[in-house]
Amino acid sequence: MMIQEEDDTQDTMPARSRLYSLAPLGLGMPLVESLTGYIARLATTHKLPTGTLFGRMVAPLINKPYIIGRRPGGFSKSLDKSVQAMNGFGVMAQAAVQALEELTLREDLRYLTLLSYQGVFSHRFLLYTHRVWCSVCYETWADAHQPIYEPLLWSLKPMTICPVHQCRLRSQCPKCKKQLSPLSERSRPGPATRDRESRRARVQHGHGGRAAARARNAARAGSRSDRDCRQRSRPPQLSLERRGPLDGGSLVPARLRARAC
């Protein structure tokens, strides 16, 4: 009798995923998360370098020679040149979605790619081969203590302006002025620099204040165009100063008074 009860309990036990069943961000919204960004965020959640998680968990399930690197936890050269295809609607995207859904037991990861638009768009000149981002979006999310991620919309070549802040999307490291891969062995969601991605991942991002502080500081070190965009996105404010007694004590905008001087 006891054996039968134990068997019934095992039958009702829900399946367990090998990786965290991390929920995608922005599902059903214009700024839905990209699949490459989801992989980087999943690796961050597991406190692992992206190359280690992908090479040891995802690549064996895809089981393609151009995916698996020469060393465990490494990216192959072929994958480095075509990693953006994971966000598209081809064989690479289908294989990556299938592997990640098997590992996380999720059924909605196809919406992080363009698989739903197969046959609608041409694959030529559709996806960037490097990372593209909006620094103002990063700063806004960090200030609001919201998760920082990589929207799928940023990976499309026709997209050059942020639809939220009307700023030109950035595609170069602010330090070395070089472009970054959409997904590399040291990728992390958020403001990117080539120096950070080339370092050993001895300190992983957390979910608390340190990650938000890094994102805020890196975003605020953006270009002049980003700072101008932040000013344009805010309502104009006039600083008023009281004039001296000889001026009748009226209030005038300090900016206009400075121009008059």
C-alpha atoms as a PDB file:
ATOM      1  CA  MET A   1       0.000   0.000   0.000  1.00  0.00           C
ATOM      2  CA  MET A   2       2.833   2.351   0.858  1.00  0.00           C
ATOM      3  CA  ILE A   3       4.595   1.524  -2.420  1.00  0.00           C
ATOM      4  CA  GLN A   4       1.488   2.420  -4.413  1.00  0.00           C
ATOM      5  CA  GLU A   5       1.169   5.790  -2.635  1.00  0.00           C
ATOM      6  CA  GLU A   6       4.822   6.611  -3.384  1.00  0.00           C
ATOM      7  CA  ASP A   7       4.330   5.760  -7.056  1.00  0.00           C
ATOM      8  CA  ASP A   8       1.298   8.050  -7.195  1.00  0.00           C
ATOM      9  CA  THR A   9       3.359  10.877  -5.689  1.00  0.00           C
ATOM     10  CA  GLN A  10       6.137  10.422  -8.264  1.00  0.00           C
ATOM     11  CA  ASP A  11       3.605  10.465 -11.102  1.00  0.00           C
ATOM     12  CA  THR A  12       2.268  13.853  -9.965  1.00  0.00           C
ATOM     13  CA  MET A  13       5.710  15.396  -9.530  1.00  0.00           C
ATOM     14  CA  PRO A  14       6.125  18.195 -12.107  1.00  0.00           C
ATOM     15  CA  ALA A  15       9.035  18.079 -14.509  1.00  0.00           C
ATOM     16  CA  ARG A  16      12.230  19.849 -13.509  1.00  0.00           C
ATOM     17  CA  SER A  17      14.190  22.068 -15.883  1.00  0.00           C
ATOM     18  CA  ARG A  18      17.964  21.845 -16.186  1.00  0.00           C
ATOM     19  CA  LEU A  19      18.237  25.636 -16.313  1.00  0.00           C
ATOM     20  CA  TYR A  20      16.172  28.289 -14.567  1.00  0.00           C
ATOM     21  CA  SER A  21      12.829  28.829 -16.259  1.00  0.00           C
ATOM     22  CA  LEU A  22      13.631  32.504 -16.662  1.00  0.00           C
ATOM     23  CA  ALA A  23      10.700  34.506 -17.999  1.00  0.00           C
ATOM     24  CA  PRO A  24      11.449  36.601 -21.112  1.00  0.00           C
ATOM     25  CA  LEU A  25      11.034  40.350 -20.826  1.00  0.00           C
ATOM     26  CA  GLY A  26       8.626  42.414 -22.896  1.00  0.00           C
ATOM     27  CA  LEU A  27       6.547  39.560 -24.333  1.00  0.00           C
ATOM     28  CA  GLY A  28       3.736  40.972 -26.453  1.00  0.00           C
ATOM     29  CA  MET A  29       5.358  44.430 -26.451  1.00  0.00           C
ATOM     30  CA  PRO A  30       7.349  46.256 -29.153  1.00  0.00           C
ATOM     31  CA  LEU A  31      10.548  46.025 -27.082  1.00  0.00           C
ATOM     32  CA  VAL A  32      10.449  42.268 -26.564  1.00  0.00           C
ATOM     33  CA  GLU A  33      13.743  40.704 -25.520  1.00  0.00           C
ATOM     34  CA  SER A  34      16.057  39.160 -28.134  1.00  0.00           C
ATOM     35  CA  LEU A  35      17.153  35.523 -27.933  1.00  0.00           C
ATOM     36  CA  THR A  36      20.850  36.411 -27.766  1.00  0.00           C
ATOM     37  CA  GLY A  37      20.103  38.837 -24.945  1.00  0.00           C
ATOM     38  CA  TYR A  38      18.066  36.163 -23.181  1.00  0.00           C
ATOM     39  CA  ILE A  39      21.021  33.767 -23.302  1.00  0.00           C
ATOM     40  CA  ALA A  40      23.304  36.399 -21.758  1.00  0.00           C
ATOM     41  CA  ARG A  41      20.747  37.204 -19.053  1.00  0.00           C
ATOM     42  CA  LEU A  42      20.241  33.489 -18.350  1.00  0.00           C
ATOM     43  CA  ALA A  43      23.999  33.068 -17.893  1.00  0.00           C
ATOM     44  CA  THR A  44      24.032  36.064 -15.530  1.00  0.00           C
ATOM     45  CA  THR A  45      21.245  34.496 -13.468  1.00  0.00           C
ATOM     46  CA  HIS A  46      23.288  31.296 -13.155  1.00  0.00           C
ATOM     47  CA  LYS A  47      26.446  33.272 -12.278  1.00  0.00           C
ATOM     48  CA  LEU A  48      28.262  31.753 -15.248  1.00  0.00           C
ATOM     49  CA  PRO A  49      30.147  33.200 -18.203  1.00  0.00           C
ATOM     50  CA  THR A  50      27.941  33.169 -21.277  1.00  0.00           C
ATOM     51  CA  GLY A  51      30.407  30.991 -23.173  1.00  0.00           C
ATOM     52  CA  THR A  52      30.373  28.374 -20.418  1.00  0.00           C
ATOM     53  CA  LEU A  53      26.583  28.123 -20.269  1.00  0.00           C
ATOM     54  CA  PHE A  54      26.201  28.076 -24.037  1.00  0.00           C
ATOM     55  CA  GLY A  55      29.105  25.728 -24.734  1.00  0.00           C
ATOM     56  CA  ARG A  56      28.274  23.177 -22.040  1.00  0.00           C
ATOM     57  CA  MET A  57      24.468  23.258 -22.057  1.00  0.00           C
ATOM     58  CA  VAL A  58      23.049  24.695 -25.286  1.00  0.00           C
ATOM     59  CA  ALA A  59      25.588  23.726 -27.951  1.00  0.00           C
ATOM     60  CA  PRO A  60      25.477  19.948 -27.257  1.00  0.00           C
ATOM     61  CA  LEU A  61      21.713  19.948 -27.814  1.00  0.00           C
ATOM     62  CA  ILE A  62      22.079  21.799 -31.112  1.00  0.00           C
ATOM     63  CA  ASN A  63      24.842  19.322 -32.046  1.00  0.00           C
ATOM     64  CA  LYS A  64      26.216  21.144 -35.060  1.00  0.00           C
ATOM     65  CA  PRO A  65      29.959  21.253 -35.813  1.00  0.00           C
ATOM     66  CA  TYR A  66      29.842  24.967 -36.585  1.00  0.00           C
ATOM     67  CA  ILE A  67      28.279  25.627 -33.146  1.00  0.00           C
ATOM     68  CA  ILE A  68      30.537  23.647 -30.833  1.00  0.00           C
ATOM     69  CA  GLY A  69      33.899  25.281 -30.128  1.00  0.00           C
ATOM     70  CA  ARG A  70      37.240  23.550 -29.898  1.00  0.00           C
ATOM     71  CA  ARG A  71      37.269  23.872 -26.121  1.00  0.00           C
ATOM     72  CA  PRO A  72      34.393  23.433 -23.647  1.00  0.00           C
ATOM     73  CA  GLY A  73      32.693  26.719 -22.996  1.00  0.00           C
ATOM     74  CA  GLY A  74      34.072  28.373 -26.113  1.00  0.00           C
ATOM     75  CA  PHE A  75      32.464  29.766 -29.233  1.00  0.00           C
ATOM     76  CA  SER A  76      33.516  28.423 -32.602  1.00  0.00           C
ATOM     77  CA  LYS A  77      34.754  30.877 -35.216  1.00  0.00           C
ATOM     78  CA  SER A  78      31.782  30.062 -37.431  1.00  0.00           C
ATOM     79  CA  LEU A  79      29.395  30.927 -34.616  1.00  0.00           C
ATOM     80  CA  ASP A  80      31.179  34.207 -33.938  1.00  0.00           C
ATOM     81  CA  LYS A  81      30.469  35.275 -37.524  1.00  0.00           C
ATOM     82  CA  SER A  82      26.815  34.210 -37.603  1.00  0.00           C
ATOM     83  CA  VAL A  83      25.594  34.455 -34.006  1.00  0.00           C
ATOM     84  CA  GLN A  84      23.095  37.175 -34.992  1.00  0.00           C
ATOM     85  CA  ALA A  85      21.147  34.500 -36.908  1.00  0.00           C
ATOM     86  CA  MET A  86      19.770  33.268 -33.566  1.00  0.00           C
ATOM     87  CA  ASN A  87      17.487  36.292 -33.603  1.00  0.00           C
ATOM     88  CA  GLY A  88      16.248  35.586 -37.133  1.00  0.00           C
ATOM     89  CA  PHE A  89      13.974  32.956 -38.649  1.00  0.00           C
ATOM     90  CA  GLY A  90      16.393  30.410 -40.111  1.00  0.00           C
ATOM     91  CA  VAL A  91      17.738  27.032 -39.043  1.00  0.00           C
ATOM     92  CA  MET A  92      20.010  28.607 -36.420  1.00  0.00           C
ATOM     93  CA  ALA A  93      17.098  30.337 -34.678  1.00  0.00           C
ATOM     94  CA  GLN A  94      14.933  27.214 -34.739  1.00  0.00           C
ATOM     95  CA  ALA A  95      17.704  25.029 -33.274  1.00  0.00           C
ATOM     96  CA  ALA A  96      18.566  27.549 -30.551  1.00  0.00           C
ATOM     97  CA  VAL A  97      14.925  27.998 -29.531  1.00  0.00           C
ATOM     98  CA  GLN A  98      14.359  24.252 -29.401  1.00  0.00           C
ATOM     99  CA  ALA A  99      17.452  23.686 -27.250  1.00  0.00           C
ATOM    100  CA  LEU A 100      16.668  26.510 -24.821  1.00  0.00           C
ATOM    101  CA  GLU A 101      13.026  25.478 -24.469  1.00  0.00           C
ATOM    102  CA  GLU A 102      14.160  21.959 -23.639  1.00  0.00           C
ATOM    103  CA  LEU A 103      16.565  23.266 -20.985  1.00  0.00           C
ATOM    104  CA  THR A 104      14.160  25.777 -19.418  1.00  0.00           C
ATOM    105  CA  LEU A 105      10.859  23.969 -20.103  1.00  0.00           C
ATOM    106  CA  ARG A 106       9.441  27.176 -21.539  1.00  0.00           C
ATOM    107  CA  GLU A 107       7.214  27.365 -24.603  1.00  0.00           C
ATOM    108  CA  ASP A 108       7.425  31.045 -25.512  1.00  0.00           C
ATOM    109  CA  LEU A 109      11.056  31.561 -26.528  1.00  0.00           C
ATOM    110  CA  ARG A 110      10.255  31.556 -30.249  1.00  0.00           C
ATOM    111  CA  TYR A 111       8.770  35.021 -29.738  1.00  0.00           C
ATOM    112  CA  LEU A 112      12.275  36.316 -28.926  1.00  0.00           C
ATOM    113  CA  THR A 113      13.181  35.738 -32.588  1.00  0.00           C
ATOM    114  CA  LEU A 114      11.677  36.504 -35.998  1.00  0.00           C
ATOM    115  CA  LEU A 115      10.391  32.950 -36.470  1.00  0.00           C
ATOM    116  CA  SER A 116       6.812  34.249 -36.465  1.00  0.00           C
ATOM    117  CA  TYR A 117       7.684  36.425 -39.488  1.00  0.00           C
ATOM    118  CA  GLN A 118       9.177  33.676 -41.622  1.00  0.00           C
ATOM    119  CA  GLY A 119       8.185  34.307 -45.235  1.00  0.00           C
ATOM    120  CA  VAL A 120       7.352  37.954 -44.528  1.00  0.00           C
ATOM    121  CA  PHE A 121      10.852  39.472 -44.517  1.00  0.00           C
ATOM    122  CA  SER A 122      13.915  38.741 -46.585  1.00  0.00           C
ATOM    123  CA  HIS A 123      16.914  37.529 -44.577  1.00  0.00           C
ATOM    124  CA  ARG A 124      19.281  39.724 -46.563  1.00  0.00           C
ATOM    125  CA  PHE A 125      20.444  42.875 -44.769  1.00  0.00           C
ATOM    126  CA  LEU A 126      17.957  42.205 -41.968  1.00  0.00           C
ATOM    127  CA  LEU A 127      20.087  41.771 -38.840  1.00  0.00           C
ATOM    128  CA  TYR A 128      23.087  43.642 -37.474  1.00  0.00           C
ATOM    129  CA  THR A 129      26.261  41.611 -37.157  1.00  0.00           C
ATOM    130  CA  HIS A 130      27.229  43.607 -34.048  1.00  0.00           C
ATOM    131  CA  ARG A 131      25.578  44.903 -30.905  1.00  0.00           C
ATOM    132  CA  VAL A 132      23.445  48.035 -31.092  1.00  0.00           C
ATOM    133  CA  TRP A 133      21.935  49.789 -28.081  1.00  0.00           C
ATOM    134  CA  CYS A 134      20.346  52.941 -26.685  1.00  0.00           C
ATOM    135  CA  SER A 135      22.251  54.395 -23.729  1.00  0.00           C
ATOM    136  CA  VAL A 136      19.219  56.387 -22.565  1.00  0.00           C
ATOM    137  CA  CYS A 137      17.115  53.224 -22.306  1.00  0.00           C
ATOM    138  CA  TYR A 138      19.817  51.635 -20.161  1.00  0.00           C
ATOM    139  CA  GLU A 139      19.933  54.650 -17.871  1.00  0.00           C
ATOM    140  CA  THR A 140      16.142  54.867 -17.608  1.00  0.00           C
ATOM    141  CA  TRP A 141      15.823  51.205 -16.648  1.00  0.00           C
ATOM    142  CA  ALA A 142      18.645  51.475 -14.120  1.00  0.00           C
ATOM    143  CA  ASP A 143      17.145  54.567 -12.471  1.00  0.00           C
ATOM    144  CA  ALA A 144      13.753  52.805 -12.234  1.00  0.00           C
ATOM    145  CA  HIS A 145      15.401  49.612 -10.867  1.00  0.00           C
ATOM    146  CA  GLN A 146      14.045  47.636 -13.805  1.00  0.00           C
ATOM    147  CA  PRO A 147      15.794  44.640 -15.418  1.00  0.00           C
ATOM    148  CA  ILE A 148      18.270  45.620 -18.123  1.00  0.00           C
ATOM    149  CA  TYR A 149      18.050  43.605 -21.325  1.00  0.00           C
ATOM    150  CA  GLU A 150      18.575  43.654 -25.102  1.00  0.00           C
ATOM    151  CA  PRO A 151      15.381  44.260 -27.139  1.00  0.00           C
ATOM    152  CA  LEU A 152      14.968  42.320 -30.373  1.00  0.00           C
ATOM    153  CA  LEU A 153      14.111  45.555 -32.167  1.00  0.00           C
ATOM    154  CA  TRP A 154      17.675  46.807 -31.721  1.00  0.00           C
ATOM    155  CA  SER A 155      19.040  43.888 -33.763  1.00  0.00           C
ATOM    156  CA  LEU A 156      17.194  44.925 -36.948  1.00  0.00           C
ATOM    157  CA  LYS A 157      19.263  46.857 -39.481  1.00  0.00           C
ATOM    158  CA  PRO A 158      16.438  49.212 -40.508  1.00  0.00           C
ATOM    159  CA  MET A 159      16.329  50.394 -36.885  1.00  0.00           C
ATOM    160  CA  THR A 160      18.800  53.254 -36.412  1.00  0.00           C
ATOM    161  CA  ILE A 161      16.843  55.482 -33.992  1.00  0.00           C
ATOM    162  CA  CYS A 162      15.477  54.533 -30.579  1.00  0.00           C
ATOM    163  CA  PRO A 163      11.671  54.605 -30.935  1.00  0.00           C
ATOM    164  CA  VAL A 164      11.283  55.687 -27.298  1.00  0.00           C
ATOM    165  CA  HIS A 165      13.855  58.489 -26.921  1.00  0.00           C
ATOM    166  CA  GLN A 166      14.416  59.400 -30.588  1.00  0.00           C
ATOM    167  CA  CYS A 167      18.180  59.006 -30.157  1.00  0.00           C
ATOM    168  CA  ARG A 168      20.557  57.410 -32.608  1.00  0.00           C
ATOM    169  CA  LEU A 169      21.417  53.882 -31.541  1.00  0.00           C
ATOM    170  CA  ARG A 170      25.054  53.356 -30.605  1.00  0.00           C
ATOM    171  CA  SER A 171      27.183  50.562 -32.028  1.00  0.00           C
ATOM    172  CA  GLN A 172      30.717  51.284 -30.838  1.00  0.00           C
ATOM    173  CA  CYS A 173      32.481  50.779 -27.560  1.00  0.00           C
ATOM    174  CA  PRO A 174      32.830  54.237 -25.937  1.00  0.00           C
ATOM    175  CA  LYS A 175      36.435  53.423 -24.997  1.00  0.00           C
ATOM    176  CA  CYS A 176      38.039  51.757 -28.004  1.00  0.00           C
ATOM    177  CA  LYS A 177      35.441  52.716 -30.668  1.00  0.00           C
ATOM    178  CA  LYS A 178      35.182  49.089 -31.834  1.00  0.00           C
ATOM    179  CA  GLN A 179      32.034  47.088 -32.462  1.00  0.00           C
ATOM    180  CA  LEU A 180      30.947  44.217 -30.222  1.00  0.00           C
ATOM    181  CA  SER A 181      29.473  40.846 -31.083  1.00  0.00           C
ATOM    182  CA  PRO A 182      25.743  40.323 -30.370  1.00  0.00           C
ATOM    183  CA  LEU A 183      26.750  37.358 -28.206  1.00  0.00           C
ATOM    184  CA  SER A 184      30.237  36.533 -27.018  1.00  0.00           C
ATOM    185  CA  GLU A 185      31.835  34.346 -24.362  1.00  0.00           C
ATOM    186  CA  ARG A 186      31.730  37.228 -21.844  1.00  0.00           C
ATOM    187  CA  SER A 187      28.505  38.947 -22.897  1.00  0.00           C
ATOM    188  CA  ARG A 188      26.369  40.551 -20.223  1.00  0.00           C
ATOM    189  CA  PRO A 189      23.137  42.530 -20.622  1.00  0.00           C
ATOM    190  CA  GLY A 190      23.497  46.253 -20.283  1.00  0.00           C
ATOM    191  CA  PRO A 191      26.053  48.925 -21.242  1.00  0.00           C
ATOM    192  CA  ALA A 192      28.872  47.204 -23.081  1.00  0.00           C
ATOM    193  CA  THR A 193      32.547  47.904 -23.454  1.00  0.00           C
ATOM    194  CA  ARG A 194      35.087  45.769 -25.234  1.00  0.00           C
ATOM    195  CA  ASP A 195      37.352  45.880 -22.183  1.00  0.00           C
ATOM    196  CA  ARG A 196      34.653  44.410 -19.970  1.00  0.00           C
ATOM    197  CA  GLU A 197      33.820  41.596 -22.377  1.00  0.00           C
ATOM    198  CA  SER A 198      37.496  40.668 -22.785  1.00  0.00           C
ATOM    199  CA  ARG A 199      38.159  40.396 -19.028  1.00  0.00           C
ATOM    200  CA  ARG A 200      37.814  37.158 -17.150  1.00  0.00           C
ATOM    201  CA  ALA A 201      34.405  36.914 -15.482  1.00  0.00           C
ATOM    202  CA  ARG A 202      35.807  36.799 -11.952  1.00  0.00           C
ATOM    203  CA  VAL A 203      33.039  39.043 -10.645  1.00  0.00           C
ATOM    204  CA  GLN A 204      29.535  38.399 -11.974  1.00  0.00           C
ATOM    205  CA  HIS A 205      26.712  40.922 -12.112  1.00  0.00           C
ATOM    206  CA  GLY A 206      24.188  40.761  -9.318  1.00  0.00           C
ATOM    207  CA  HIS A 207      20.490  41.597  -9.340  1.00  0.00           C
ATOM    208  CA  GLY A 208      20.786  44.454  -6.855  1.00  0.00           C
ATOM    209  CA  GLY A 209      22.320  47.866  -6.601  1.00  0.00           C
ATOM    210  CA  ARG A 210      25.764  47.073  -8.002  1.00  0.00           C
ATOM    211  CA  ALA A 211      24.432  46.094 -11.417  1.00  0.00           C
ATOM    212  CA  ALA A 212      22.162  49.129 -11.529  1.00  0.00           C
ATOM    213  CA  ALA A 213      25.018  51.413 -10.493  1.00  0.00           C
ATOM    214  CA  ARG A 214      27.290  50.032 -13.218  1.00  0.00           C
ATOM    215  CA  ALA A 215      24.572  50.487 -15.814  1.00  0.00           C
ATOM    216  CA  ARG A 216      23.833  54.013 -14.665  1.00  0.00           C
ATOM    217  CA  ASN A 217      27.472  55.104 -14.645  1.00  0.00           C
ATOM    218  CA  ALA A 218      28.229  53.583 -18.047  1.00  0.00           C
ATOM    219  CA  ALA A 219      25.125  55.052 -19.625  1.00  0.00           C
ATOM    220  CA  ARG A 220      25.799  58.518 -18.254  1.00  0.00           C
ATOM    221  CA  ALA A 221      29.235  58.401 -19.842  1.00  0.00           C
ATOM    222  CA  GLY A 222      27.552  58.362 -23.257  1.00  0.00           C
ATOM    223  CA  SER A 223      28.042  60.690 -26.159  1.00  0.00           C
ATOM    224  CA  ARG A 224      26.897  64.299 -26.432  1.00  0.00           C
ATOM    225  CA  SER A 225      24.023  63.243 -28.663  1.00  0.00           C
ATOM    226  CA  ASP A 226      22.681  60.991 -25.897  1.00  0.00           C
ATOM    227  CA  ARG A 227      22.821  63.817 -23.376  1.00  0.00           C
ATOM    228  CA  ASP A 228      21.028  66.122 -25.810  1.00  0.00           C
ATOM    229  CA  CYS A 229      18.400  63.455 -26.300  1.00  0.00           C
ATOM    230  CA  ARG A 230      17.763  63.234 -22.583  1.00  0.00           C
ATOM    231  CA  GLN A 231      17.272  66.977 -22.466  1.00  0.00           C
ATOM    232  CA  ARG A 232      14.840  66.888 -25.400  1.00  0.00           C
ATOM    233  CA  SER A 233      12.824  64.115 -23.789  1.00  0.00           C
ATOM    234  CA  ARG A 234      12.179  66.234 -20.667  1.00  0.00           C
ATOM    235  CA  PRO A 235       9.765  69.178 -20.493  1.00  0.00           C
ATOM    236  CA  PRO A 236      11.553  72.547 -20.661  1.00  0.00           C
ATOM    237  CA  GLN A 237      12.124  74.201 -17.312  1.00  0.00           C
ATOM    238  CA  LEU A 238      12.995  77.849 -16.794  1.00  0.00           C
ATOM    239  CA  SER A 239      15.117  78.863 -13.841  1.00  0.00           C
ATOM    240  CA  LEU A 240      13.707  82.123 -12.436  1.00  0.00           C
ATOM    241  CA  GLU A 241      15.711  84.614 -10.425  1.00  0.00           C
ATOM    242  CA  ARG A 242      14.460  87.795  -8.758  1.00  0.00           C
ATOM    243  CA  ARG A 243      15.895  90.935 -10.196  1.00  0.00           C
ATOM    244  CA  GLY A 244      17.422  93.612  -8.011  1.00  0.00           C
ATOM    245  CA  PRO A 245      15.531  96.549  -6.504  1.00  0.00           C
ATOM    246  CA  LEU A 246      16.508  98.843  -9.374  1.00  0.00           C
ATOM    247  CA  ASP A 247      14.734  96.484 -11.793  1.00  0.00           C
ATOM    248  CA  GLY A 248      11.442  96.697  -9.979  1.00  0.00           C
ATOM    249  CA  GLY A 249      11.686  93.278  -8.312  1.00  0.00           C
ATOM    250  CA  SER A 250      10.045  91.394 -11.201  1.00  0.00           C
ATOM    251  CA  LEU A 251      10.833  87.805 -12.184  1.00  0.00           C
ATOM    252  CA  VAL A 252      12.557  87.082 -15.498  1.00  0.00           C
ATOM    253  CA  PRO A 253      14.072  83.880 -16.829  1.00  0.00           C
ATOM    254  CA  ALA A 254      17.710  83.699 -15.806  1.00  0.00           C
ATOM    255  CA  ARG A 255      18.608  82.287 -19.234  1.00  0.00           C
ATOM    256  CA  LEU A 256      17.180  85.337 -21.019  1.00  0.00           C
ATOM    257  CA  ARG A 257      18.820  87.696 -18.553  1.00  0.00           C
ATOM    258  CA  ALA A 258      22.211  86.098 -19.203  1.00  0.00           C
ATOM    259  CA  ARG A 259      21.769  86.552 -22.938  1.00  0.00           C
ATOM    260  CA  ALA A 260      20.897  90.198 -22.439  1.00  0.00           C
ATOM    261  CA  CYS A 261      24.111  90.730 -20.496  1.00  0.00           C
END
